[in-house]
Amino acid sequence: MSVSTKTRPLKRTPDAAARQPAAPPPGFDWPLAQEAENLLRRRLATFLEHNAFARTLAGRMRQESGTDLFEWIDHLILPSEEEDQWLAAGFVEDPMAETPNNDKVLEHPVATLPRLRLQRSARISPETVALRPEYVADFMARHNLAAEPDGEPCARYRRVVVAQENGTLLEAVERRAYRGFEFAPVKPGELKAVVKARELCRARPRRFAEDAAGFEAADRVLGRVTELVGRDLACQFFFEAEREYWESRNRAARIQKHRQDRLGLGWGNHDHHTFRCSRAHFTRVIDLLVKLGFQKRERYYAGAEAGWGAQICEQPVVGIVVFADVDLMPEETQIDFSVQKLPAAPRLGTVGLWVDLHGESLLEAGMHHLEARFEFDELRNQLQTCGIEMMKPFSDFAFLRQAFTEGERWPVPTKRAQRLLDRGFITQAQFEQFTTQGAIGSHLENLQRHGGFKGFNQKSVSAVIADTDPRNNRFGPGAGSA
């Protein structure tokens, strides 16, 4: 990917939905941004030396939720005189970030790093770190904060002062499909529309006699939600509901969410959401994501030996990443399967079998997993004390560590297993296994990134997809582990 580090013309416009990141070409791999992350972490370390509340919170995040305060940072406010060093580290100007006083905002275009809001030194007292929990009110309640937030409930941007000490200011912000920094009142009728849109997402029907009818219903619901609140906010509410549904089917998710909620954080540390899709409806999933404002990023062509592919998509306003998996035949690894409908296949790979056992991720099954950013070893050890074991890491690099919790085993309806048996896709022994013992359904994924690395390790993902094949998982000691 060719990325210019020159400052782009600044457009002060609230229409963040127009933001269009360039899609990486086939075969693209994300670079490391180690220099930029090191600069940020050094700046954060100095901040923590001067802000006792933030320092204590960072320790609690690590010890009580297995997370790194760095991963909760929405932005830092720094002197504009420092602009050159940040541009040299790979940051560029964010043209879509509305700001008071026409402040510049810098972002790193190829890294998972916080943004920087630059102010002239005369206005930057004190220096600021702003965290982004899922909901400001929850964060305030858990930390006994008496201040009243700037910004109305359900407004696009809210901010509350958490702690001001020794020339530093810790804030918490909440965003509603908005990348800027300007407060705006809730318009007449807007609150009613927000409540209705959220309700429609949460109550969306998922079980249908035919999957095609389910996708048509999903399209109608999301069309209605988009009419009510717009594309980007519809995306935010849709994925809030998807996480909630996934939690209802995964014990590890419920335990970890509770641990993060005790600190008022919610799922603000989400990294990506993974959907397993059938070949028949894969393009419908991608079309739905595009309607929600997603841009297509890299595609995985895992090769003949792996039997799967994935389209990675990103919604740049809301900050949601989706990893959409599908079975692929060897001869299909060089086509754009995100737009070219795949025909029925002569055999089922791991993804296709999962869908036939449990249903489409977008419908009855829900997400296969949510991957969130953690302190890798801390989370593994802490969840173990809660009775949650981790599978063997499938990525174990200095810049990327990944591992699933042991899978949540779901019951398999006899009619689903019978269809597979009748078509010759499973054996009689596998039929008995699935109908009596169930099959692995979902996971929570423990991920740690360094160097701002934004991508994934294809070989490692291929390995874990094979490890989670329902035909390879049985009850017994270590069931569900690699």
Foldseek 3Di string as FASTA:
>chain_A
DDDDLEADDAAQDFPPLVDDDDADDAPDFFDFLFVLQVVVVVVVVVLCVWFVVVVVVQVCCCQQQQAGQQLQWQEWEEAPVCVVVNSVSQWYWDRNAHDPPPWTKIDRSRFSGHIYTHDHPVPPFAIETEGEFADPVLLCVLLVNDFDWPADVPWQKIKDWDDDGDRYTYMYMHGQLGRYDDHDHQDVPLVVLLVVLLVLLQPQAFDDPDVVVSLVSVVVSLVSNCVSHHLQNSVVSNVVNLLVVVCVQDVLSVVSQVSCSSNPHGQSQFQAFEWQAELQCQLSVLVVVVSSSKDWYYKDLLAQVLQKIWIWIARVRNGYIYTYMYGDHRVCSPDPSNHDRDDDDLADDQSNVLCLFQNTCVGRQGTQEIEGERNQVSNQVVVVVVVWHWADWLDDDPFKTKIWIQFRFDAGDLVSLVVCVVSVHDDPVVSVQCNPPGFGRHTYMYMHGHSSGNDDDSVSVSVVSNLRRRVNFGDDVPGRHD
